[in-house]
All heavy atoms as atom14 arrays in JSON, in Angstrom:
{
  "sequence": "DYGGIQMSFHKEQFFANISLEFDIDLRPALNNIVNMHVHMYLIVVFWL",
  "atom14_mask": [
    [1, 1, 1, 1, 1, 1, 1, 1, 0, 0, 0, 0, 0, 0],
    [1, 1, 1, 1, 1, 1, 1, 1, 1, 1, 1, 1, 0, 0],
    [1, 1, 1, 1, 0, 0, 0, 0, 0, 0, 0, 0, 0, 0],
    [1, 1, 1, 1, 0, 0, 0, 0, 0, 0, 0, 0, 0, 0],
    [1, 1, 1, 1, 1, 1, 1, 1, 0, 0, 0, 0, 0, 0],
    [1, 1, 1, 1, 1, 1, 1, 1, 1, 0, 0, 0, 0, 0],
    [1, 1, 1, 1, 1, 1, 1, 1, 0, 0, 0, 0, 0, 0],
    [1, 1, 1, 1, 1, 1, 0, 0, 0, 0, 0, 0, 0, 0],
    [1, 1, 1, 1, 1, 1, 1, 1, 1, 1, 1, 0, 0, 0],
    [1, 1, 1, 1, 1, 1, 1, 1, 1, 1, 0, 0, 0, 0],
    [1, 1, 1, 1, 1, 1, 1, 1, 1, 0, 0, 0, 0, 0],
    [1, 1, 1, 1, 1, 1, 1, 1, 1, 0, 0, 0, 0, 0],
    [1, 1, 1, 1, 1, 1, 1, 1, 1, 0, 0, 0, 0, 0],
    [1, 1, 1, 1, 1, 1, 1, 1, 1, 1, 1, 0, 0, 0],
    [1, 1, 1, 1, 1, 1, 1, 1, 1, 1, 1, 0, 0, 0],
    [1, 1, 1, 1, 1, 0, 0, 0, 0, 0, 0, 0, 0, 0],
    [1, 1, 1, 1, 1, 1, 1, 1, 0, 0, 0, 0, 0, 0],
    [1, 1, 1, 1, 1, 1, 1, 1, 0, 0, 0, 0, 0, 0],
    [1, 1, 1, 1, 1, 1, 0, 0, 0, 0, 0, 0, 0, 0],
    [1, 1, 1, 1, 1, 1, 1, 1, 0, 0, 0, 0, 0, 0],
    [1, 1, 1, 1, 1, 1, 1, 1, 1, 0, 0, 0, 0, 0],
    [1, 1, 1, 1, 1, 1, 1, 1, 1, 1, 1, 0, 0, 0],
    [1, 1, 1, 1, 1, 1, 1, 1, 0, 0, 0, 0, 0, 0],
    [1, 1, 1, 1, 1, 1, 1, 1, 0, 0, 0, 0, 0, 0],
    [1, 1, 1, 1, 1, 1, 1, 1, 0, 0, 0, 0, 0, 0],
    [1, 1, 1, 1, 1, 1, 1, 1, 0, 0, 0, 0, 0, 0],
    [1, 1, 1, 1, 1, 1, 1, 1, 1, 1, 1, 0, 0, 0],
    [1, 1, 1, 1, 1, 1, 1, 0, 0, 0, 0, 0, 0, 0],
    [1, 1, 1, 1, 1, 0, 0, 0, 0, 0, 0, 0, 0, 0],
    [1, 1, 1, 1, 1, 1, 1, 1, 0, 0, 0, 0, 0, 0],
    [1, 1, 1, 1, 1, 1, 1, 1, 0, 0, 0, 0, 0, 0],
    [1, 1, 1, 1, 1, 1, 1, 1, 0, 0, 0, 0, 0, 0],
    [1, 1, 1, 1, 1, 1, 1, 1, 0, 0, 0, 0, 0, 0],
    [1, 1, 1, 1, 1, 1, 1, 0, 0, 0, 0, 0, 0, 0],
    [1, 1, 1, 1, 1, 1, 1, 1, 0, 0, 0, 0, 0, 0],
    [1, 1, 1, 1, 1, 1, 1, 1, 0, 0, 0, 0, 0, 0],
    [1, 1, 1, 1, 1, 1, 1, 1, 1, 1, 0, 0, 0, 0],
    [1, 1, 1, 1, 1, 1, 1, 0, 0, 0, 0, 0, 0, 0],
    [1, 1, 1, 1, 1, 1, 1, 1, 1, 1, 0, 0, 0, 0],
    [1, 1, 1, 1, 1, 1, 1, 1, 0, 0, 0, 0, 0, 0],
    [1, 1, 1, 1, 1, 1, 1, 1, 1, 1, 1, 1, 0, 0],
    [1, 1, 1, 1, 1, 1, 1, 1, 0, 0, 0, 0, 0, 0],
    [1, 1, 1, 1, 1, 1, 1, 1, 0, 0, 0, 0, 0, 0],
    [1, 1, 1, 1, 1, 1, 1, 0, 0, 0, 0, 0, 0, 0],
    [1, 1, 1, 1, 1, 1, 1, 0, 0, 0, 0, 0, 0, 0],
    [1, 1, 1, 1, 1, 1, 1, 1, 1, 1, 1, 0, 0, 0],
    [1, 1, 1, 1, 1, 1, 1, 1, 1, 1, 1, 1, 1, 1],
    [1, 1, 1, 1, 1, 1, 1, 1, 0, 0, 0, 0, 0, 0]
  ],
  "atom14_positions": [
    [[0.85, -1.19, 0.0], [0.0, 0.0, 0.0], [0.88, 1.25, 0.0], [1.14, 1.85, 1.04], [-0.92, -0.02, 1.23], [-1.94, 1.11, 1.19], [-2.0, 1.83, 0.17], [-2.68, 1.26, 2.18], [0.0, 0.0, 0.0], [0.0, 0.0, 0.0], [0.0, 0.0, 0.0], [0.0, 0.0, 0.0], [0.0, 0.0, 0.0], [0.0, 0.0, 0.0]],
    [[1.37, 1.62, -1.21], [2.29, 2.75, -1.32], [1.65, 4.05, -0.81], [2.3, 4.85, -0.15], [2.74, 2.93, -2.77], [3.54, 1.77, -3.3], [2.97, 0.83, -4.15], [4.87, 1.59, -2.93], [3.7, -0.25, -4.63], [5.61, 0.52, -3.41], [5.02, -0.4, -4.26], [5.75, -1.46, -4.72], [0.0, 0.0, 0.0], [0.0, 0.0, 0.0]],
    [[0.38, 4.23, -1.14], [-0.3, 5.45, -0.72], [-0.7, 5.44, 0.73], [-1.12, 6.46, 1.28], [0.0, 0.0, 0.0], [0.0, 0.0, 0.0], [0.0, 0.0, 0.0], [0.0, 0.0, 0.0], [0.0, 0.0, 0.0], [0.0, 0.0, 0.0], [0.0, 0.0, 0.0], [0.0, 0.0, 0.0], [0.0, 0.0, 0.0], [0.0, 0.0, 0.0]],
    [[-0.55, 4.29, 1.39], [-0.98, 4.18, 2.78], [0.15, 4.07, 3.78], [-0.07, 3.67, 4.93], [0.0, 0.0, 0.0], [0.0, 0.0, 0.0], [0.0, 0.0, 0.0], [0.0, 0.0, 0.0], [0.0, 0.0, 0.0], [0.0, 0.0, 0.0], [0.0, 0.0, 0.0], [0.0, 0.0, 0.0], [0.0, 0.0, 0.0], [0.0, 0.0, 0.0]],
    [[1.39, 4.4, 3.36], [2.5, 4.38, 4.31], [2.26, 5.46, 5.36], [2.12, 6.64, 5.04], [3.84, 4.62, 3.59], [4.14, 3.47, 2.62], [4.98, 4.77, 4.6], [5.41, 3.64, 1.82], [0.0, 0.0, 0.0], [0.0, 0.0, 0.0], [0.0, 0.0, 0.0], [0.0, 0.0, 0.0], [0.0, 0.0, 0.0], [0.0, 0.0, 0.0]],
    [[2.19, 5.04, 6.61], [1.86, 5.95, 7.71], [3.14, 6.4, 8.43], [3.95, 5.57, 8.83], [0.92, 5.27, 8.7], [-0.39, 4.81, 8.1], [-1.25, 5.98, 7.65], [-1.28, 7.03, 8.3], [-1.96, 5.8, 6.55], [0.0, 0.0, 0.0], [0.0, 0.0, 0.0], [0.0, 0.0, 0.0], [0.0, 0.0, 0.0], [0.0, 0.0, 0.0]],
    [[3.29, 7.7, 8.58], [4.42, 8.26, 9.32], [3.93, 8.78, 10.67], [2.87, 9.4, 10.76], [5.06, 9.4, 8.54], [5.54, 9.03, 7.13], [6.82, 7.76, 7.12], [8.05, 8.51, 8.2], [0.0, 0.0, 0.0], [0.0, 0.0, 0.0], [0.0, 0.0, 0.0], [0.0, 0.0, 0.0], [0.0, 0.0, 0.0], [0.0, 0.0, 0.0]],
    [[4.71, 8.52, 11.72], [4.36, 9.04, 13.05], [5.63, 9.44, 13.78], [6.74, 9.07, 13.39], [3.58, 7.99, 13.84], [4.33, 6.8, 13.98], [0.0, 0.0, 0.0], [0.0, 0.0, 0.0], [0.0, 0.0, 0.0], [0.0, 0.0, 0.0], [0.0, 0.0, 0.0], [0.0, 0.0, 0.0], [0.0, 0.0, 0.0], [0.0, 0.0, 0.0]],
    [[5.45, 10.21, 14.84], [6.57, 10.77, 15.58], [6.31, 10.58, 17.07], [5.22, 10.85, 17.57], [6.7, 12.26, 15.26], [7.72, 12.99, 16.09], [9.07, 12.83, 15.84], [7.33, 13.84, 17.11], [10.02, 13.51, 16.6], [8.26, 14.51, 17.88], [9.61, 14.35, 17.62], [0.0, 0.0, 0.0], [0.0, 0.0, 0.0], [0.0, 0.0, 0.0]],
    [[7.34, 10.08, 17.79], [7.18, 9.87, 19.23], [8.55, 9.9, 19.9], [9.46, 9.12, 19.54], [6.5, 8.53, 19.5], [6.29, 8.24, 20.96], [5.45, 8.98, 21.76], [6.84, 7.29, 21.77], [5.48, 8.5, 22.99], [6.31, 7.48, 23.02], [0.0, 0.0, 0.0], [0.0, 0.0, 0.0], [0.0, 0.0, 0.0], [0.0, 0.0, 0.0]],
    [[8.73, 10.79, 20.85], [9.97, 10.89, 21.63], [11.21, 10.96, 20.73], [12.14, 10.16, 20.87], [10.08, 9.72, 22.6], [9.02, 9.74, 23.71], [9.22, 8.6, 24.68], [8.18, 8.66, 25.81], [8.34, 7.54, 26.77], [0.0, 0.0, 0.0], [0.0, 0.0, 0.0], [0.0, 0.0, 0.0], [0.0, 0.0, 0.0], [0.0, 0.0, 0.0]],
    [[11.19, 11.9, 19.81], [12.33, 12.17, 18.92], [12.58, 11.05, 17.91], [13.58, 11.08, 17.18], [13.62, 12.41, 19.72], [13.52, 13.53, 20.75], [13.19, 14.88, 20.11], [13.69, 15.14, 19.01], [12.43, 15.67, 20.72], [0.0, 0.0, 0.0], [0.0, 0.0, 0.0], [0.0, 0.0, 0.0], [0.0, 0.0, 0.0], [0.0, 0.0, 0.0]],
    [[11.7, 10.06, 17.85], [11.87, 8.98, 16.89], [10.72, 9.0, 15.89], [9.59, 9.36, 16.22], [11.91, 7.62, 17.6], [13.14, 7.41, 18.47], [13.2, 6.02, 19.07], [12.17, 5.35, 19.22], [14.39, 5.58, 19.4], [0.0, 0.0, 0.0], [0.0, 0.0, 0.0], [0.0, 0.0, 0.0], [0.0, 0.0, 0.0], [0.0, 0.0, 0.0]],
    [[11.05, 8.59, 14.66], [10.07, 8.55, 13.59], [9.77, 7.1, 13.24], [10.67, 6.24, 13.24], [10.58, 9.31, 12.37], [10.73, 10.78, 12.61], [11.86, 11.28, 13.2], [9.71, 11.65, 12.27], [12.0, 12.64, 13.45], [9.84, 13.01, 12.52], [10.98, 13.5, 13.11], [0.0, 0.0, 0.0], [0.0, 0.0, 0.0], [0.0, 0.0, 0.0]],
    [[8.51, 6.85, 12.92], [8.06, 5.49, 12.62], [7.38, 5.48, 11.25], [6.49, 6.3, 10.99], [7.07, 4.99, 13.67], [7.64, 4.94, 15.07], [7.73, 6.09, 15.85], [8.09, 3.74, 15.6], [8.25, 6.05, 17.14], [8.61, 3.69, 16.89], [8.7, 4.84, 17.65], [0.0, 0.0, 0.0], [0.0, 0.0, 0.0], [0.0, 0.0, 0.0]],
    [[7.81, 4.56, 10.4], [7.13, 4.34, 9.12], [6.43, 2.99, 9.21], [7.08, 1.97, 9.45], [8.13, 4.36, 7.98], [0.0, 0.0, 0.0], [0.0, 0.0, 0.0], [0.0, 0.0, 0.0], [0.0, 0.0, 0.0], [0.0, 0.0, 0.0], [0.0, 0.0, 0.0], [0.0, 0.0, 0.0], [0.0, 0.0, 0.0], [0.0, 0.0, 0.0]],
    [[5.12, 2.99, 9.04], [4.31, 1.78, 9.13], [3.87, 1.4, 7.71], [3.13, 2.14, 7.07], [3.09, 2.02, 10.02], [2.43, 0.73, 10.45], [2.42, -0.25, 9.7], [1.88, 0.71, 11.65], [0.0, 0.0, 0.0], [0.0, 0.0, 0.0], [0.0, 0.0, 0.0], [0.0, 0.0, 0.0], [0.0, 0.0, 0.0], [0.0, 0.0, 0.0]],
    [[4.36, 0.25, 7.24], [4.14, -0.15, 5.85], [3.3, -1.43, 5.81], [3.67, -2.45, 6.41], [5.49, -0.39, 5.13], [6.35, 0.88, 5.22], [5.28, -0.79, 3.69], [7.77, 0.69, 4.74], [0.0, 0.0, 0.0], [0.0, 0.0, 0.0], [0.0, 0.0, 0.0], [0.0, 0.0, 0.0], [0.0, 0.0, 0.0], [0.0, 0.0, 0.0]],
    [[2.19, -1.39, 5.11], [1.3, -2.54, 4.98], [1.6, -3.27, 3.66], [1.68, -2.64, 2.61], [-0.16, -2.09, 5.0], [-1.02, -3.15, 4.63], [0.0, 0.0, 0.0], [0.0, 0.0, 0.0], [0.0, 0.0, 0.0], [0.0, 0.0, 0.0], [0.0, 0.0, 0.0], [0.0, 0.0, 0.0], [0.0, 0.0, 0.0], [0.0, 0.0, 0.0]],
    [[1.77, -4.58, 3.75], [1.99, -5.37, 2.53], [1.32, -6.73, 2.64], [1.1, -7.24, 3.73], [3.5, -5.52, 2.24], [4.42, -6.01, 3.35], [4.5, -7.52, 3.35], [5.81, -5.42, 3.18], [0.0, 0.0, 0.0], [0.0, 0.0, 0.0], [0.0, 0.0, 0.0], [0.0, 0.0, 0.0], [0.0, 0.0, 0.0], [0.0, 0.0, 0.0]],
    [[0.98, -7.27, 1.49], [0.3, -8.56, 1.44], [0.62, -9.27, 0.13], [0.99, -8.64, -0.86], [-1.21, -8.39, 1.61], [-1.86, -7.46, 0.62], [-3.32, -7.19, 0.97], [-4.08, -8.18, 1.14], [-3.7, -6.02, 1.07], [0.0, 0.0, 0.0], [0.0, 0.0, 0.0], [0.0, 0.0, 0.0], [0.0, 0.0, 0.0], [0.0, 0.0, 0.0]],
    [[0.46, -10.59, 0.15], [0.71, -11.38, -1.05], [0.08, -12.76, -0.89], [-0.38, -13.13, 0.2], [2.22, -11.51, -1.33], [3.04, -11.95, -0.16], [3.17, -13.29, 0.17], [3.69, -11.01, 0.64], [3.92, -13.7, 1.25], [4.45, -11.4, 1.74], [4.57, -12.75, 2.04], [0.0, 0.0, 0.0], [0.0, 0.0, 0.0], [0.0, 0.0, 0.0]],
    [[0.06, -13.51, -1.99], [-0.48, -14.87, -1.98], [0.67, -15.87, -2.08], [1.75, -15.54, -2.58], [-1.44, -15.1, -3.15], [-2.67, -14.21, -3.06], [-3.06, -13.85, -1.93], [-3.25, -13.89, -4.11], [0.0, 0.0, 0.0], [0.0, 0.0, 0.0], [0.0, 0.0, 0.0], [0.0, 0.0, 0.0], [0.0, 0.0, 0.0], [0.0, 0.0, 0.0]],
    [[0.43, -17.07, -1.6], [1.38, -18.17, -1.73], [0.66, -19.33, -2.43], [-0.41, -19.76, -1.99], [1.91, -18.62, -0.36], [2.73, -17.51, 0.29], [2.77, -19.88, -0.51], [3.22, -17.85, 1.69], [0.0, 0.0, 0.0], [0.0, 0.0, 0.0], [0.0, 0.0, 0.0], [0.0, 0.0, 0.0], [0.0, 0.0, 0.0], [0.0, 0.0, 0.0]],
    [[1.24, -19.8, -3.53], [0.7, -20.94, -4.26], [1.58, -22.15, -4.0], [2.77, -22.13, -4.31], [0.65, -20.65, -5.76], [-0.34, -19.54, -6.09], [-1.24, -19.29, -5.27], [-0.2, -18.92, -7.15], [0.0, 0.0, 0.0], [0.0, 0.0, 0.0], [0.0, 0.0, 0.0], [0.0, 0.0, 0.0], [0.0, 0.0, 0.0], [0.0, 0.0, 0.0]],
    [[0.98, -23.18, -3.43], [1.69, -24.43, -3.15], [1.19, -25.46, -4.14], [0.02, -25.84, -4.12], [1.41, -24.85, -1.7], [1.92, -26.22, -1.26], [3.44, -26.25, -1.24], [1.38, -26.55, 0.13], [0.0, 0.0, 0.0], [0.0, 0.0, 0.0], [0.0, 0.0, 0.0], [0.0, 0.0, 0.0], [0.0, 0.0, 0.0], [0.0, 0.0, 0.0]],
    [[2.08, -25.95, -5.01], [1.67, -26.91, -6.03], [2.81, -27.83, -6.42], [3.97, -27.42, -6.37], [1.11, -26.18, -7.25], [2.12, -25.36, -8.03], [1.53, -24.72, -9.24], [0.69, -23.56, -8.9], [-0.1, -22.96, -9.79], [-0.15, -23.38, -11.02], [-0.8, -21.91, -9.43], [0.0, 0.0, 0.0], [0.0, 0.0, 0.0], [0.0, 0.0, 0.0]],
    [[2.54, -29.05, -6.87], [1.24, -29.72, -6.69], [1.19, -30.34, -5.31], [2.13, -30.97, -4.87], [1.25, -30.79, -7.78], [2.71, -31.11, -7.94], [3.5, -29.87, -7.61], [0.0, 0.0, 0.0], [0.0, 0.0, 0.0], [0.0, 0.0, 0.0], [0.0, 0.0, 0.0], [0.0, 0.0, 0.0], [0.0, 0.0, 0.0], [0.0, 0.0, 0.0]],
    [[0.13, -30.14, -4.58], [-0.04, -30.72, -3.25], [-1.14, -31.76, -3.33], [-2.32, -31.42, -3.43], [-0.41, -29.64, -2.24], [0.0, 0.0, 0.0], [0.0, 0.0, 0.0], [0.0, 0.0, 0.0], [0.0, 0.0, 0.0], [0.0, 0.0, 0.0], [0.0, 0.0, 0.0], [0.0, 0.0, 0.0], [0.0, 0.0, 0.0], [0.0, 0.0, 0.0]],
    [[-0.73, -33.04, -3.32], [-1.7, -34.13, -3.49], [-2.56, -33.88, -4.73], [-3.78, -34.02, -4.7], [-2.58, -34.28, -2.24], [-1.84, -34.66, -0.96], [-2.79, -34.7, 0.21], [-1.12, -35.99, -1.12], [0.0, 0.0, 0.0], [0.0, 0.0, 0.0], [0.0, 0.0, 0.0], [0.0, 0.0, 0.0], [0.0, 0.0, 0.0], [0.0, 0.0, 0.0]],
    [[-1.87, -33.47, -5.81], [-2.51, -33.19, -7.1], [-3.46, -32.0, -7.05], [-4.28, -31.82, -7.95], [-3.26, -34.44, -7.61], [-2.33, -35.61, -7.82], [-1.21, -35.44, -8.31], [-2.77, -36.8, -7.42], [0.0, 0.0, 0.0], [0.0, 0.0, 0.0], [0.0, 0.0, 0.0], [0.0, 0.0, 0.0], [0.0, 0.0, 0.0], [0.0, 0.0, 0.0]],
    [[-3.38, -31.2, -6.0], [-4.19, -29.99, -5.9], [-3.28, -28.78, -5.78], [-2.08, -28.9, -5.54], [-5.11, -30.06, -4.67], [-6.16, -31.16, -4.8], [-6.72, -31.34, -5.86], [-6.38, -31.89, -3.72], [0.0, 0.0, 0.0], [0.0, 0.0, 0.0], [0.0, 0.0, 0.0], [0.0, 0.0, 0.0], [0.0, 0.0, 0.0], [0.0, 0.0, 0.0]],
    [[-3.87, -27.61, -5.93], [-3.15, -26.35, -5.68], [-3.72, -25.77, -4.4], [-4.93, -25.59, -4.27], [-3.33, -25.35, -6.84], [-2.76, -25.94, -8.13], [-2.65, -24.03, -6.51], [-3.01, -25.07, -9.35], [0.0, 0.0, 0.0], [0.0, 0.0, 0.0], [0.0, 0.0, 0.0], [0.0, 0.0, 0.0], [0.0, 0.0, 0.0], [0.0, 0.0, 0.0]],
    [[-2.84, -25.49, -3.45], [-3.26, -24.87, -2.19], [-2.84, -23.41, -2.22], [-1.68, -23.09, -2.46], [-2.63, -25.59, -0.98], [-2.99, -24.85, 0.3], [-3.09, -27.04, -0.92], [0.0, 0.0, 0.0], [0.0, 0.0, 0.0], [0.0, 0.0, 0.0], [0.0, 0.0, 0.0], [0.0, 0.0, 0.0], [0.0, 0.0, 0.0], [0.0, 0.0, 0.0]],
    [[-3.8, -22.53, -2.01], [-3.54, -21.09, -2.02], [-3.65, -20.52, -0.61], [-4.57, -20.85, 0.13], [-4.53, -20.36, -2.93], [-4.51, -20.89, -4.35], [-5.47, -21.48, -4.81], [-3.4, -20.69, -5.04], [0.0, 0.0, 0.0], [0.0, 0.0, 0.0], [0.0, 0.0, 0.0], [0.0, 0.0, 0.0], [0.0, 0.0, 0.0], [0.0, 0.0, 0.0]],
    [[-2.67, -19.68, -0.27], [-2.69, -18.99, 1.01], [-2.53, -17.49, 0.78], [-2.01, -17.07, -0.25], [-1.55, -19.49, 1.92], [-1.62, -20.96, 2.25], [-0.27, -21.44, 3.37], [-0.63, -23.19, 3.57], [0.0, 0.0, 0.0], [0.0, 0.0, 0.0], [0.0, 0.0, 0.0], [0.0, 0.0, 0.0], [0.0, 0.0, 0.0], [0.0, 0.0, 0.0]],
    [[-2.97, -16.73, 1.77], [-2.83, -15.27, 1.69], [-2.12, -14.78, 2.95], [-2.42, -15.22, 4.06], [-4.2, -14.6, 1.59], [-4.12, -13.11, 1.45], [-3.74, -12.5, 0.28], [-4.35, -12.11, 2.35], [-3.75, -11.19, 0.46], [-4.11, -10.93, 1.7], [0.0, 0.0, 0.0], [0.0, 0.0, 0.0], [0.0, 0.0, 0.0], [0.0, 0.0, 0.0]],
    [[-1.15, -13.88, 2.74], [-0.35, -13.35, 3.85], [-0.52, -11.83, 3.91], [-0.46, -11.16, 2.88], [1.15, -13.7, 3.68], [1.96, -13.12, 4.83], [1.35, -15.2, 3.56], [0.0, 0.0, 0.0], [0.0, 0.0, 0.0], [0.0, 0.0, 0.0], [0.0, 0.0, 0.0], [0.0, 0.0, 0.0], [0.0, 0.0, 0.0], [0.0, 0.0, 0.0]],
    [[-0.73, -11.31, 5.1], [-0.81, -9.87, 5.31], [0.0, -9.51, 6.54], [-0.05, -10.23, 7.54], [-2.26, -9.4, 5.48], [-2.39, -7.91, 5.64], [-2.43, -7.3, 6.87], [-2.45, -6.92, 4.72], [-2.53, -5.99, 6.7], [-2.53, -5.74, 5.4], [0.0, 0.0, 0.0], [0.0, 0.0, 0.0], [0.0, 0.0, 0.0], [0.0, 0.0, 0.0]],
    [[0.77, -8.42, 6.46], [1.61, -8.03, 7.6], [1.89, -6.53, 7.56], [1.67, -5.87, 6.54], [2.93, -8.81, 7.57], [3.8, -8.49, 6.37], [5.34, -9.47, 6.36], [4.67, -11.09, 6.07], [0.0, 0.0, 0.0], [0.0, 0.0, 0.0], [0.0, 0.0, 0.0], [0.0, 0.0, 0.0], [0.0, 0.0, 0.0], [0.0, 0.0, 0.0]],
    [[2.39, -6.03, 8.68], [2.83, -4.64, 8.79], [4.31, -4.61, 9.15], [4.75, -5.28, 10.08], [2.03, -3.9, 9.86], [0.62, -3.57, 9.44], [-0.44, -4.41, 9.77], [0.35, -2.42, 8.71], [-1.73, -4.11, 9.39], [-0.94, -2.11, 8.32], [-1.97, -2.96, 8.66], [-3.26, -2.67, 8.27], [0.0, 0.0, 0.0], [0.0, 0.0, 0.0]],
    [[5.05, -3.82, 8.4], [6.47, -3.64, 8.65], [6.68, -2.25, 9.25], [6.16, -1.26, 8.73], [7.26, -3.77, 7.35], [8.78, -3.77, 7.47], [9.25, -5.12, 7.99], [9.43, -3.5, 6.12], [0.0, 0.0, 0.0], [0.0, 0.0, 0.0], [0.0, 0.0, 0.0], [0.0, 0.0, 0.0], [0.0, 0.0, 0.0], [0.0, 0.0, 0.0]],
    [[7.42, -2.17, 10.34], [7.65, -0.9, 11.03], [9.14, -0.57, 10.99], [9.98, -1.4, 11.33], [7.15, -0.96, 12.48], [5.64, -1.21, 12.51], [7.49, 0.34, 13.22], [5.06, -1.37, 13.89], [0.0, 0.0, 0.0], [0.0, 0.0, 0.0], [0.0, 0.0, 0.0], [0.0, 0.0, 0.0], [0.0, 0.0, 0.0], [0.0, 0.0, 0.0]],
    [[9.45, 0.67, 10.57], [10.83, 1.14, 10.52], [10.96, 2.32, 11.49], [10.15, 3.25, 11.45], [11.22, 1.6, 9.1], [12.71, 1.94, 9.05], [10.88, 0.52, 8.08], [0.0, 0.0, 0.0], [0.0, 0.0, 0.0], [0.0, 0.0, 0.0], [0.0, 0.0, 0.0], [0.0, 0.0, 0.0], [0.0, 0.0, 0.0], [0.0, 0.0, 0.0]],
    [[11.97, 2.26, 12.37], [12.21, 3.32, 13.34], [13.52, 4.01, 12.98], [14.54, 3.35, 12.75], [12.3, 2.76, 14.78], [12.41, 3.9, 15.79], [11.09, 1.88, 15.09], [0.0, 0.0, 0.0], [0.0, 0.0, 0.0], [0.0, 0.0, 0.0], [0.0, 0.0, 0.0], [0.0, 0.0, 0.0], [0.0, 0.0, 0.0], [0.0, 0.0, 0.0]],
    [[13.52, 5.35, 12.94], [14.75, 6.08, 12.63], [14.71, 7.45, 13.29], [13.66, 7.95, 13.68], [14.96, 6.2, 11.12], [13.8, 6.82, 10.38], [13.8, 8.16, 10.05], [12.71, 6.04, 9.99], [12.73, 8.73, 9.37], [11.64, 6.6, 9.31], [11.65, 7.95, 9.0], [0.0, 0.0, 0.0], [0.0, 0.0, 0.0], [0.0, 0.0, 0.0]],
    [[15.89, 8.06, 13.43], [15.99, 9.37, 14.07], [17.3, 10.02, 13.65], [18.17, 9.39, 13.06], [15.89, 9.25, 15.59], [17.0, 8.44, 16.21], [18.2, 8.89, 16.69], [17.0, 7.01, 16.43], [18.95, 7.87, 17.19], [18.24, 6.7, 17.04], [16.09, 5.99, 16.16], [18.58, 5.39, 17.39], [16.43, 4.7, 16.51], [17.65, 4.41, 17.11]],
    [[17.42, 11.3, 13.98], [18.66, 12.05, 13.73], [19.4, 12.2, 15.05], [18.82, 12.59, 16.05], [18.37, 13.42, 13.13], [17.99, 13.46, 11.65], [17.65, 14.88, 11.23], [19.11, 12.9, 10.78], [0.0, 0.0, 0.0], [0.0, 0.0, 0.0], [0.0, 0.0, 0.0], [0.0, 0.0, 0.0], [0.0, 0.0, 0.0], [0.0, 0.0, 0.0]]
  ]
}
């Protein structure tokens, strides 16, 4: 979510909160395709 990167500030530190998601295709699994979905938030902390 490029447009949804959230910036915040707390005690002289800056936080970038990045949301990302993707699918996982597992094949062939017992002659079937198993699909999974992953969603997570990545947080980066930085300061001067």
